[in-house]
Amino acid sequence: MSATDAFETIRSPVQTGFGIGDYAAFADATNLDHCAKCLNPSLVAFGFPAPLDLFVGDPVSIARTCNCIYSLLQQRQCDIEFRESSNEQRQRLLSDISRQEAKVERLEGQLAAKDLELEAKAKAGFKAQIKKLQQERDEFQRMVIGNQERLNQVLMEKKKESRSGMEIMNLLQVALKEGRQRGTWNGKKANSDFYKIIADAYELKKQELMAENSDLQVLLRSMQDVFDLSFHMARDPIEENLRAKMASIKERMVQLQDAQKGAEVTLHLKLVKGSLSLKLNLLKLGASFRSRRLSGHVDGDR
């Protein structure tokens, strides 16, 4: 018989004088023999001193019975100590769990506070960055407006220079016509070639400046189209495009200013030379006209 079967045999209800199924009164004066037969296999199975002979009065059987009772008491004491130790350990674990729960709650509160702090910092950083980009955009718009005004001013100056050049050409044509009529113009072919070179160079430079003006206007219109986009939807592309176009405009303006200065100097020198030559020819014409009038007066006096 196994230990489990023996234990179940002991726990099964037996017919006693106290009633059927009474577990509290396992043995009485009438069933000692049956109880001994049930106890001995269980004691052997659980390792206690056995067998017990309850009807023999020899010292050996009594000593075996005492040893069995002593072993049961020791087992009971061990069970009590184990239960107390288990209870203490359970209390410690419950206390640790309470502390850990409090710590987790505190850490969750700190985490929520840190999340709010990081979110506030991120919002502040985004606002500062957006404000900075808006300031850069406004500054670049002012720069574009200034460059456009400068371009308009340059175009107005070019128009004035064009009018002045046309007036000079008209004066030259009038002077040439008068010189041909009077027959006193010297070096007509050389002067005509010189004036033709001046006019061709001026027209070529004017066409170049108009082409550059058209390119700049196209560039400004494309930049205005970029500015019309939603700033928050195209912030990064706008920034990169603005920087690239700013560098391109600056480089183009430098080239335009250099070319303009060179053209102005060349054209000014040519116009000065032409003006000096024209003045010299006009002086010659005046001297010739005065000499003719003087000779006419002399002939009349004669």
C-alpha atoms as a PDB file:
ATOM      1  CA  MET A   1       0.000   0.000   0.000  1.00  0.00           C
ATOM      2  CA  SER A   2       1.398   3.458  -0.941  1.00  0.00           C
ATOM      3  CA  ALA A   3       1.575   6.450   1.367  1.00  0.00           C
ATOM      4  CA  THR A   4      -1.301   8.164  -0.432  1.00  0.00           C
ATOM      5  CA  ASP A   5      -3.536   5.097  -0.236  1.00  0.00           C
ATOM      6  CA  ALA A   6      -2.738   4.650   3.451  1.00  0.00           C
ATOM      7  CA  PHE A   7      -3.513   8.317   4.152  1.00  0.00           C
ATOM      8  CA  GLU A   8      -6.804   8.103   2.276  1.00  0.00           C
ATOM      9  CA  THR A   9      -7.658   4.959   4.301  1.00  0.00           C
ATOM     10  CA  ILE A  10      -7.094   6.871   7.536  1.00  0.00           C
ATOM     11  CA  ARG A  11      -9.226   9.829   6.296  1.00  0.00           C
ATOM     12  CA  SER A  12     -12.146   7.588   5.226  1.00  0.00           C
ATOM     13  CA  PRO A  13     -15.163   7.652   7.552  1.00  0.00           C
ATOM     14  CA  VAL A  14     -15.527   4.747   9.967  1.00  0.00           C
ATOM     15  CA  GLN A  15     -18.409   3.512  12.068  1.00  0.00           C
ATOM     16  CA  THR A  16     -17.947   4.867  15.570  1.00  0.00           C
ATOM     17  CA  GLY A  17     -20.055   5.408  18.598  1.00  0.00           C
ATOM     18  CA  PHE A  18     -20.096   9.154  17.930  1.00  0.00           C
ATOM     19  CA  GLY A  19     -21.764   8.878  14.553  1.00  0.00           C
ATOM     20  CA  ILE A  20     -21.075   8.054  10.911  1.00  0.00           C
ATOM     21  CA  GLY A  21     -18.318  10.115   9.251  1.00  0.00           C
ATOM     22  CA  ASP A  22     -16.976  11.681  12.432  1.00  0.00           C
ATOM     23  CA  TYR A  23     -13.328  12.554  11.631  1.00  0.00           C
ATOM     24  CA  ALA A  24     -12.571  13.985  15.097  1.00  0.00           C
ATOM     25  CA  ALA A  25     -13.093  10.611  16.879  1.00  0.00           C
ATOM     26  CA  PHE A  26     -10.913   8.307  14.799  1.00  0.00           C
ATOM     27  CA  ALA A  27     -10.344   5.651  17.512  1.00  0.00           C
ATOM     28  CA  ASP A  28     -12.299   4.520  20.548  1.00  0.00           C
ATOM     29  CA  ALA A  29     -12.406   1.519  22.842  1.00  0.00           C
ATOM     30  CA  THR A  30     -14.219  -0.637  20.287  1.00  0.00           C
ATOM     31  CA  ASN A  31     -12.033  -0.130  17.136  1.00  0.00           C
ATOM     32  CA  LEU A  32      -8.462  -0.099  18.433  1.00  0.00           C
ATOM     33  CA  ASP A  33      -7.475  -3.149  16.419  1.00  0.00           C
ATOM     34  CA  HIS A  34      -8.843  -1.642  13.204  1.00  0.00           C
ATOM     35  CA  CYS A  35      -7.173   1.736  13.896  1.00  0.00           C
ATOM     36  CA  ALA A  36      -3.803   0.058  14.497  1.00  0.00           C
ATOM     37  CA  LYS A  37      -4.089  -1.802  11.192  1.00  0.00           C
ATOM     38  CA  CYS A  38      -4.830   1.513   9.422  1.00  0.00           C
ATOM     39  CA  LEU A  39      -2.100   3.500  11.170  1.00  0.00           C
ATOM     40  CA  ASN A  40       0.795   1.081  10.729  1.00  0.00           C
ATOM     41  CA  PRO A  41       0.944   1.230   6.860  1.00  0.00           C
ATOM     42  CA  SER A  42       0.661   5.018   6.956  1.00  0.00           C
ATOM     43  CA  LEU A  43       3.442   5.327   9.521  1.00  0.00           C
ATOM     44  CA  VAL A  44       5.677   3.048   7.471  1.00  0.00           C
ATOM     45  CA  ALA A  45       4.856   4.965   4.279  1.00  0.00           C
ATOM     46  CA  PHE A  46       5.666   8.372   5.864  1.00  0.00           C
ATOM     47  CA  GLY A  47       8.859   7.095   7.554  1.00  0.00           C
ATOM     48  CA  PHE A  48       7.768   7.075  11.159  1.00  0.00           C
ATOM     49  CA  PRO A  49       8.694   4.301  13.646  1.00  0.00           C
ATOM     50  CA  ALA A  50       6.330   1.345  13.028  1.00  0.00           C
ATOM     51  CA  PRO A  51       4.593  -0.986  13.494  1.00  0.00           C
ATOM     52  CA  LEU A  52       2.650   0.026  16.546  1.00  0.00           C
ATOM     53  CA  ASP A  53       1.412  -2.773  18.790  1.00  0.00           C
ATOM     54  CA  LEU A  54      -1.144  -1.166  21.063  1.00  0.00           C
ATOM     55  CA  PHE A  55      -2.134  -4.407  22.844  1.00  0.00           C
ATOM     56  CA  VAL A  56       1.344  -5.453  24.031  1.00  0.00           C
ATOM     57  CA  GLY A  57       2.755  -4.037  27.229  1.00  0.00           C
ATOM     58  CA  ASP A  58       6.442  -4.771  26.635  1.00  0.00           C
ATOM     59  CA  PRO A  59       8.883  -1.851  26.865  1.00  0.00           C
ATOM     60  CA  VAL A  60      10.004  -2.151  23.246  1.00  0.00           C
ATOM     61  CA  SER A  61       6.515  -1.561  21.871  1.00  0.00           C
ATOM     62  CA  ILE A  62       5.945   1.296  24.302  1.00  0.00           C
ATOM     63  CA  ALA A  63       9.280   2.861  23.284  1.00  0.00           C
ATOM     64  CA  ARG A  64       8.341   2.544  19.599  1.00  0.00           C
ATOM     65  CA  THR A  65       5.041   4.227  20.320  1.00  0.00           C
ATOM     66  CA  CYS A  66       6.814   7.044  22.179  1.00  0.00           C
ATOM     67  CA  ASN A  67       9.303   7.491  19.321  1.00  0.00           C
ATOM     68  CA  CYS A  68       6.444   7.693  16.845  1.00  0.00           C
ATOM     69  CA  ILE A  69       4.670  10.307  18.950  1.00  0.00           C
ATOM     70  CA  TYR A  70       7.971  12.236  19.344  1.00  0.00           C
ATOM     71  CA  SER A  71       8.542  12.162  15.580  1.00  0.00           C
ATOM     72  CA  LEU A  72       5.027  13.436  15.040  1.00  0.00           C
ATOM     73  CA  LEU A  73       5.609  16.253  17.514  1.00  0.00           C
ATOM     74  CA  GLN A  74       8.891  17.162  15.792  1.00  0.00           C
ATOM     75  CA  GLN A  75       7.136  17.144  12.435  1.00  0.00           C
ATOM     76  CA  ARG A  76       4.417  19.347  13.874  1.00  0.00           C
ATOM     77  CA  GLN A  77       7.005  21.732  15.295  1.00  0.00           C
ATOM     78  CA  CYS A  78       8.778  21.863  11.937  1.00  0.00           C
ATOM     79  CA  ASP A  79       5.468  22.529  10.242  1.00  0.00           C
ATOM     80  CA  ILE A  80       4.714  25.373  12.655  1.00  0.00           C
ATOM     81  CA  GLU A  81       8.182  26.906  12.136  1.00  0.00           C
ATOM     82  CA  PHE A  82       7.843  26.554   8.383  1.00  0.00           C
ATOM     83  CA  ARG A  83       4.439  28.208   8.466  1.00  0.00           C
ATOM     84  CA  GLU A  84       5.773  31.055  10.590  1.00  0.00           C
ATOM     85  CA  SER A  85       8.768  31.469   8.292  1.00  0.00           C
ATOM     86  CA  SER A  86       6.509  31.332   5.245  1.00  0.00           C
ATOM     87  CA  ASN A  87       4.179  33.882   6.819  1.00  0.00           C
ATOM     88  CA  GLU A  88       7.096  36.211   7.615  1.00  0.00           C
ATOM     89  CA  GLN A  89       8.455  35.802   4.098  1.00  0.00           C
ATOM     90  CA  ARG A  90       4.988  36.463   2.715  1.00  0.00           C
ATOM     91  CA  GLN A  91       4.716  39.630   4.813  1.00  0.00           C
ATOM     92  CA  ARG A  92       8.146  40.753   3.608  1.00  0.00           C
ATOM     93  CA  LEU A  93       7.158  40.074   0.016  1.00  0.00           C
ATOM     94  CA  LEU A  94       3.906  41.979   0.477  1.00  0.00           C
ATOM     95  CA  SER A  95       5.871  44.866   1.981  1.00  0.00           C
ATOM     96  CA  ASP A  96       8.335  44.753  -0.924  1.00  0.00           C
ATOM     97  CA  ILE A  97       5.449  44.675  -3.372  1.00  0.00           C
ATOM     98  CA  SER A  98       3.888  47.712  -1.663  1.00  0.00           C
ATOM     99  CA  ARG A  99       7.199  49.585  -1.811  1.00  0.00           C
ATOM    100  CA  GLN A 100       7.702  48.625  -5.448  1.00  0.00           C
ATOM    101  CA  GLU A 101       4.166  49.725  -6.301  1.00  0.00           C
ATOM    102  CA  ALA A 102       4.775  53.053  -4.565  1.00  0.00           C
ATOM    103  CA  LYS A 103       8.087  53.385  -6.428  1.00  0.00           C
ATOM    104  CA  VAL A 104       6.419  52.535  -9.731  1.00  0.00           C
ATOM    105  CA  GLU A 105       3.714  55.103  -9.042  1.00  0.00           C
ATOM    106  CA  ARG A 106       6.335  57.729  -8.191  1.00  0.00           C
ATOM    107  CA  LEU A 107       8.334  56.901 -11.319  1.00  0.00           C
ATOM    108  CA  GLU A 108       5.195  57.092 -13.429  1.00  0.00           C
ATOM    109  CA  GLY A 109       4.522  60.538 -12.003  1.00  0.00           C
ATOM    110  CA  GLN A 110       8.106  61.599 -12.756  1.00  0.00           C
ATOM    111  CA  LEU A 111       7.823  60.148 -16.254  1.00  0.00           C
ATOM    112  CA  ALA A 112       4.599  62.059 -16.887  1.00  0.00           C
ATOM    113  CA  ALA A 113       6.226  65.262 -15.601  1.00  0.00           C
ATOM    114  CA  LYS A 114       9.276  64.679 -17.827  1.00  0.00           C
ATOM    115  CA  ASP A 115       7.023  64.039 -20.808  1.00  0.00           C
ATOM    116  CA  LEU A 116       5.220  67.317 -20.177  1.00  0.00           C
ATOM    117  CA  GLU A 117       8.534  69.130 -19.743  1.00  0.00           C
ATOM    118  CA  LEU A 118       9.974  67.656 -22.945  1.00  0.00           C
ATOM    119  CA  GLU A 119       6.795  68.483 -24.829  1.00  0.00           C
ATOM    120  CA  ALA A 120       6.911  72.073 -23.570  1.00  0.00           C
ATOM    121  CA  LYS A 121      10.593  72.362 -24.521  1.00  0.00           C
ATOM    122  CA  ALA A 122       9.903  70.882 -27.952  1.00  0.00           C
ATOM    123  CA  LYS A 123       7.036  73.323 -28.532  1.00  0.00           C
ATOM    124  CA  ALA A 124       9.186  76.244 -27.401  1.00  0.00           C
ATOM    125  CA  GLY A 125      12.014  75.078 -29.669  1.00  0.00           C
ATOM    126  CA  PHE A 126       9.655  74.701 -32.625  1.00  0.00           C
ATOM    127  CA  LYS A 127       8.189  78.149 -32.008  1.00  0.00           C
ATOM    128  CA  ALA A 128      11.665  79.686 -31.781  1.00  0.00           C
ATOM    129  CA  GLN A 129      12.755  77.913 -34.955  1.00  0.00           C
ATOM    130  CA  ILE A 130       9.605  78.960 -36.801  1.00  0.00           C
ATOM    131  CA  LYS A 131      10.070  82.548 -35.613  1.00  0.00           C
ATOM    132  CA  LYS A 132      13.695  82.497 -36.747  1.00  0.00           C
ATOM    133  CA  LEU A 133      12.724  81.121 -40.153  1.00  0.00           C
ATOM    134  CA  GLN A 134       9.998  83.741 -40.478  1.00  0.00           C
ATOM    135  CA  GLN A 135      12.514  86.470 -39.630  1.00  0.00           C
ATOM    136  CA  GLU A 136      14.935  85.075 -42.208  1.00  0.00           C
ATOM    137  CA  ARG A 137      12.100  84.926 -44.742  1.00  0.00           C
ATOM    138  CA  ASP A 138      11.129  88.550 -44.008  1.00  0.00           C
ATOM    139  CA  GLU A 139      14.755  89.632 -44.241  1.00  0.00           C
ATOM    140  CA  PHE A 140      15.160  87.816 -47.535  1.00  0.00           C
ATOM    141  CA  GLN A 141      11.946  89.375 -48.836  1.00  0.00           C
ATOM    142  CA  ARG A 142      13.280  92.798 -47.900  1.00  0.00           C
ATOM    143  CA  MET A 143      16.526  91.939 -49.658  1.00  0.00           C
ATOM    144  CA  VAL A 144      14.617  90.813 -52.747  1.00  0.00           C
ATOM    145  CA  ILE A 145      12.560  94.008 -52.703  1.00  0.00           C
ATOM    146  CA  GLY A 146      15.743  96.057 -52.315  1.00  0.00           C
ATOM    147  CA  ASN A 147      17.389  94.203 -55.191  1.00  0.00           C
ATOM    148  CA  GLN A 148      14.286  94.721 -57.302  1.00  0.00           C
ATOM    149  CA  GLU A 149      14.320  98.443 -56.520  1.00  0.00           C
ATOM    150  CA  ARG A 150      18.016  98.545 -57.345  1.00  0.00           C
ATOM    151  CA  LEU A 151      17.322  96.734 -60.598  1.00  0.00           C
ATOM    152  CA  ASN A 152      14.563  99.193 -61.464  1.00  0.00           C
ATOM    153  CA  GLN A 153      16.910 102.057 -60.656  1.00  0.00           C
ATOM    154  CA  VAL A 154      19.593 100.564 -62.888  1.00  0.00           C
ATOM    155  CA  LEU A 155      17.047 100.141 -65.676  1.00  0.00           C
ATOM    156  CA  MET A 156      15.938 103.762 -65.274  1.00  0.00           C
ATOM    157  CA  GLU A 157      19.555 104.891 -65.457  1.00  0.00           C
ATOM    158  CA  LYS A 158      20.026 102.765 -68.557  1.00  0.00           C
ATOM    159  CA  LYS A 159      16.943 104.345 -70.096  1.00  0.00           C
ATOM    160  CA  LYS A 160      18.349 107.802 -69.331  1.00  0.00           C
ATOM    161  CA  GLU A 161      21.671 106.789 -70.841  1.00  0.00           C
ATOM    162  CA  SER A 162      19.793 105.431 -73.850  1.00  0.00           C
ATOM    163  CA  ARG A 163      18.001 108.764 -74.266  1.00  0.00           C
ATOM    164  CA  SER A 164      21.301 110.614 -73.919  1.00  0.00           C
ATOM    165  CA  GLY A 165      22.872 108.293 -76.488  1.00  0.00           C
ATOM    166  CA  MET A 166      19.993 108.845 -78.863  1.00  0.00           C
ATOM    167  CA  GLU A 167      20.281 112.614 -78.431  1.00  0.00           C
ATOM    168  CA  ILE A 168      23.994 112.402 -79.140  1.00  0.00           C
ATOM    169  CA  MET A 169      23.315 110.286 -82.214  1.00  0.00           C
ATOM    170  CA  ASN A 170      20.733 112.823 -83.403  1.00  0.00           C
ATOM    171  CA  LEU A 171      23.228 115.623 -82.885  1.00  0.00           C
ATOM    172  CA  LEU A 172      25.841 113.630 -84.751  1.00  0.00           C
ATOM    173  CA  GLN A 173      23.450 112.996 -87.615  1.00  0.00           C
ATOM    174  CA  VAL A 174      22.531 116.696 -87.759  1.00  0.00           C
ATOM    175  CA  ALA A 175      26.182 117.651 -87.684  1.00  0.00           C
ATOM    176  CA  LEU A 176      27.010 115.137 -90.395  1.00  0.00           C
ATOM    177  CA  LYS A 177      24.123 116.397 -92.520  1.00  0.00           C
ATOM    178  CA  GLU A 178      25.234 120.011 -92.113  1.00  0.00           C
ATOM    179  CA  GLY A 179      28.781 119.025 -92.882  1.00  0.00           C
ATOM    180  CA  ARG A 180      27.746 117.273 -96.080  1.00  0.00           C
ATOM    181  CA  GLN A 181      25.649 120.268 -97.137  1.00  0.00           C
ATOM    182  CA  ARG A 182      28.429 122.753 -96.545  1.00  0.00           C
ATOM    183  CA  GLY A 183      31.119 120.521 -97.928  1.00  0.00           C
ATOM    184  CA  THR A 184      33.480 121.337 -95.079  1.00  0.00           C
ATOM    185  CA  TRP A 185      33.432 117.985 -93.230  1.00  0.00           C
ATOM    186  CA  ASN A 186      36.771 116.233 -93.193  1.00  0.00           C
ATOM    187  CA  GLY A 187      37.244 112.548 -92.487  1.00  0.00           C
ATOM    188  CA  LYS A 188      33.574 111.701 -93.034  1.00  0.00           C
ATOM    189  CA  LYS A 189      34.095 107.993 -93.572  1.00  0.00           C
ATOM    190  CA  ALA A 190      36.296 107.540 -90.478  1.00  0.00           C
ATOM    191  CA  ASN A 191      33.854 109.462 -88.261  1.00  0.00           C
ATOM    192  CA  SER A 192      30.878 107.519 -89.651  1.00  0.00           C
ATOM    193  CA  ASP A 193      32.627 104.230 -88.918  1.00  0.00           C
ATOM    194  CA  PHE A 194      33.468 105.447 -85.423  1.00  0.00           C
ATOM    195  CA  TYR A 195      29.888 106.486 -84.690  1.00  0.00           C
ATOM    196  CA  LYS A 196      28.611 103.213 -86.157  1.00  0.00           C
ATOM    197  CA  ILE A 197      30.931 101.251 -83.857  1.00  0.00           C
ATOM    198  CA  ILE A 198      29.680 103.267 -80.868  1.00  0.00           C
ATOM    199  CA  ALA A 199      26.043 102.684 -81.818  1.00  0.00           C
ATOM    200  CA  ASP A 200      26.555  98.949 -82.445  1.00  0.00           C
ATOM    201  CA  ALA A 201      28.381  98.489 -79.135  1.00  0.00           C
ATOM    202  CA  TYR A 202      25.685 100.411 -77.307  1.00  0.00           C
ATOM    203  CA  GLU A 203      22.887  98.355 -78.883  1.00  0.00           C
ATOM    204  CA  LEU A 204      24.695  95.079 -78.135  1.00  0.00           C
ATOM    205  CA  LYS A 205      25.225  96.052 -74.506  1.00  0.00           C
ATOM    206  CA  LYS A 206      21.626  97.185 -74.260  1.00  0.00           C
ATOM    207  CA  GLN A 207      20.414  93.804 -75.548  1.00  0.00           C
ATOM    208  CA  GLU A 208      22.650  91.978 -73.048  1.00  0.00           C
ATOM    209  CA  LEU A 209      21.323  94.081 -70.185  1.00  0.00           C
ATOM    210  CA  MET A 210      17.729  93.507 -71.287  1.00  0.00           C
ATOM    211  CA  ALA A 211      18.335  89.733 -71.422  1.00  0.00           C
ATOM    212  CA  GLU A 212      19.846  89.813 -67.944  1.00  0.00           C
ATOM    213  CA  ASN A 213      16.904  91.896 -66.748  1.00  0.00           C
ATOM    214  CA  SER A 214      14.492  89.318 -68.177  1.00  0.00           C
ATOM    215  CA  ASP A 215      16.367  86.480 -66.430  1.00  0.00           C
ATOM    216  CA  LEU A 216      16.268  88.329 -63.127  1.00  0.00           C
ATOM    217  CA  GLN A 217      12.553  89.017 -63.479  1.00  0.00           C
ATOM    218  CA  VAL A 218      11.891  85.313 -64.154  1.00  0.00           C
ATOM    219  CA  LEU A 219      13.967  84.434 -61.107  1.00  0.00           C
ATOM    220  CA  LEU A 220      12.078  86.939 -58.943  1.00  0.00           C
ATOM    221  CA  ARG A 221       8.719  85.597 -60.126  1.00  0.00           C
ATOM    222  CA  SER A 222       9.757  82.026 -59.330  1.00  0.00           C
ATOM    223  CA  MET A 223      10.887  83.143 -55.878  1.00  0.00           C
ATOM    224  CA  GLN A 224       7.560  84.913 -55.325  1.00  0.00           C
ATOM    225  CA  ASP A 225       5.744  81.698 -56.290  1.00  0.00           C
ATOM    226  CA  VAL A 226       7.802  79.835 -53.698  1.00  0.00           C
ATOM    227  CA  PHE A 227       6.905  82.424 -51.048  1.00  0.00           C
ATOM    228  CA  ASP A 228       3.208  81.993 -51.836  1.00  0.00           C
ATOM    229  CA  LEU A 229       3.348  78.352 -50.682  1.00  0.00           C
ATOM    230  CA  SER A 230       2.354  77.351 -47.178  1.00  0.00           C
ATOM    231  CA  PHE A 231       5.284  78.063 -44.949  1.00  0.00           C
ATOM    232  CA  HIS A 232       4.642  75.201 -42.531  1.00  0.00           C
ATOM    233  CA  MET A 233       4.203  72.670 -45.359  1.00  0.00           C
ATOM    234  CA  ALA A 234       7.431  73.551 -47.178  1.00  0.00           C
ATOM    235  CA  ARG A 235       9.664  74.997 -44.480  1.00  0.00           C
ATOM    236  CA  ASP A 236      12.811  72.963 -45.177  1.00  0.00           C
ATOM    237  CA  PRO A 237      12.619  73.125 -49.018  1.00  0.00           C
ATOM    238  CA  ILE A 238      11.955  76.874 -48.798  1.00  0.00           C
ATOM    239  CA  GLU A 239      14.979  77.414 -46.610  1.00  0.00           C
ATOM    240  CA  GLU A 240      17.292  75.442 -48.906  1.00  0.00           C
ATOM    241  CA  ASN A 241      15.843  77.048 -52.040  1.00  0.00           C
ATOM    242  CA  LEU A 242      16.113  80.535 -50.544  1.00  0.00           C
ATOM    243  CA  ARG A 243      19.745  80.050 -49.612  1.00  0.00           C
ATOM    244  CA  ALA A 244      20.625  78.700 -53.044  1.00  0.00           C
ATOM    245  CA  LYS A 245      18.758  81.484 -54.822  1.00  0.00           C
ATOM    246  CA  MET A 246      20.214  84.120 -52.506  1.00  0.00           C
ATOM    247  CA  ALA A 247      23.708  82.969 -53.418  1.00  0.00           C
ATOM    248  CA  SER A 248      22.751  82.904 -57.116  1.00  0.00           C
ATOM    249  CA  ILE A 249      21.278  86.422 -56.963  1.00  0.00           C
ATOM    250  CA  LYS A 250      24.298  87.795 -55.135  1.00  0.00           C
ATOM    251  CA  GLU A 251      26.641  86.229 -57.683  1.00  0.00           C
ATOM    252  CA  ARG A 252      24.487  87.484 -60.549  1.00  0.00           C
ATOM    253  CA  MET A 253      24.313  90.998 -59.098  1.00  0.00           C
ATOM    254  CA  VAL A 254      28.105  91.070 -58.713  1.00  0.00           C
ATOM    255  CA  GLN A 255      28.515  89.963 -62.313  1.00  0.00           C
ATOM    256  CA  LEU A 256      25.916  92.489 -63.442  1.00  0.00           C
ATOM    257  CA  GLN A 257      27.573  95.299 -61.498  1.00  0.00           C
ATOM    258  CA  ASP A 258      31.002  94.361 -62.889  1.00  0.00           C
ATOM    259  CA  ALA A 259      29.639  94.148 -66.415  1.00  0.00           C
ATOM    260  CA  GLN A 260      27.697  97.374 -65.898  1.00  0.00           C
ATOM    261  CA  LYS A 261      30.764  99.183 -64.609  1.00  0.00           C
ATOM    262  CA  GLY A 262      32.859  97.898 -67.517  1.00  0.00           C
ATOM    263  CA  ALA A 263      30.198  98.814 -70.045  1.00  0.00           C
ATOM    264  CA  GLU A 264      29.638 102.231 -68.485  1.00  0.00           C
ATOM    265  CA  VAL A 265      33.372 102.979 -68.508  1.00  0.00           C
ATOM    266  CA  THR A 266      33.781 101.788 -72.102  1.00  0.00           C
ATOM    267  CA  LEU A 267      30.680 103.590 -73.294  1.00  0.00           C
ATOM    268  CA  HIS A 268      31.625 106.723 -71.386  1.00  0.00           C
ATOM    269  CA  LEU A 269      35.103 106.741 -72.923  1.00  0.00           C
ATOM    270  CA  LYS A 270      33.671 106.208 -76.376  1.00  0.00           C
ATOM    271  CA  LEU A 271      31.078 108.942 -75.852  1.00  0.00           C
ATOM    272  CA  VAL A 272      33.716 111.314 -74.503  1.00  0.00           C
ATOM    273  CA  LYS A 273      35.939 110.625 -77.489  1.00  0.00           C
ATOM    274  CA  GLY A 274      32.999 111.084 -79.843  1.00  0.00           C
ATOM    275  CA  SER A 275      31.946 114.271 -78.068  1.00  0.00           C
ATOM    276  CA  LEU A 276      35.468 115.667 -78.246  1.00  0.00           C
ATOM    277  CA  SER A 277      35.705 114.755 -81.912  1.00  0.00           C
ATOM    278  CA  LEU A 278      32.294 116.333 -82.532  1.00  0.00           C
ATOM    279  CA  LYS A 279      33.285 119.494 -80.686  1.00  0.00           C
ATOM    280  CA  LEU A 280      36.517 119.643 -82.674  1.00  0.00           C
ATOM    281  CA  ASN A 281      34.644 119.261 -85.947  1.00  0.00           C
ATOM    282  CA  LEU A 282      32.083 121.852 -84.838  1.00  0.00           C
ATOM    283  CA  LEU A 283      34.918 124.239 -83.989  1.00  0.00           C
ATOM    284  CA  LYS A 284      36.406 123.605 -87.385  1.00  0.00           C
ATOM    285  CA  LEU A 285      33.033 124.246 -89.008  1.00  0.00           C
ATOM    286  CA  GLY A 286      32.628 127.459 -86.979  1.00  0.00           C
ATOM    287  CA  ALA A 287      36.098 128.656 -87.916  1.00  0.00           C
ATOM    288  CA  SER A 288      35.465 127.866 -91.559  1.00  0.00           C
ATOM    289  CA  PHE A 289      32.099 129.612 -91.433  1.00  0.00           C
ATOM    290  CA  ARG A 290      33.596 132.684 -89.774  1.00  0.00           C
ATOM    291  CA  SER A 291      36.438 132.785 -92.274  1.00  0.00           C
ATOM    292  CA  ARG A 292      33.932 132.610 -95.117  1.00  0.00           C
ATOM    293  CA  ARG A 293      31.835 135.395 -93.628  1.00  0.00           C
ATOM    294  CA  LEU A 294      34.965 137.445 -93.080  1.00  0.00           C
ATOM    295  CA  SER A 295      36.081 136.902 -96.656  1.00  0.00           C
ATOM    296  CA  GLY A 296      32.553 137.793 -97.816  1.00  0.00           C
ATOM    297  CA  HIS A 297      32.667 141.071 -95.881  1.00  0.00           C
ATOM    298  CA  VAL A 298      36.078 141.860 -97.315  1.00  0.00           C
ATOM    299  CA  ASP A 299      34.832 141.242-100.828  1.00  0.00           C
ATOM    300  CA  GLY A 300      31.806 143.431-100.177  1.00  0.00           C
ATOM    301  CA  ASP A 301      33.974 146.272 -98.907  1.00  0.00           C
ATOM    302  CA  ARG A 302      36.052 146.066-102.022  1.00  0.00           C
END
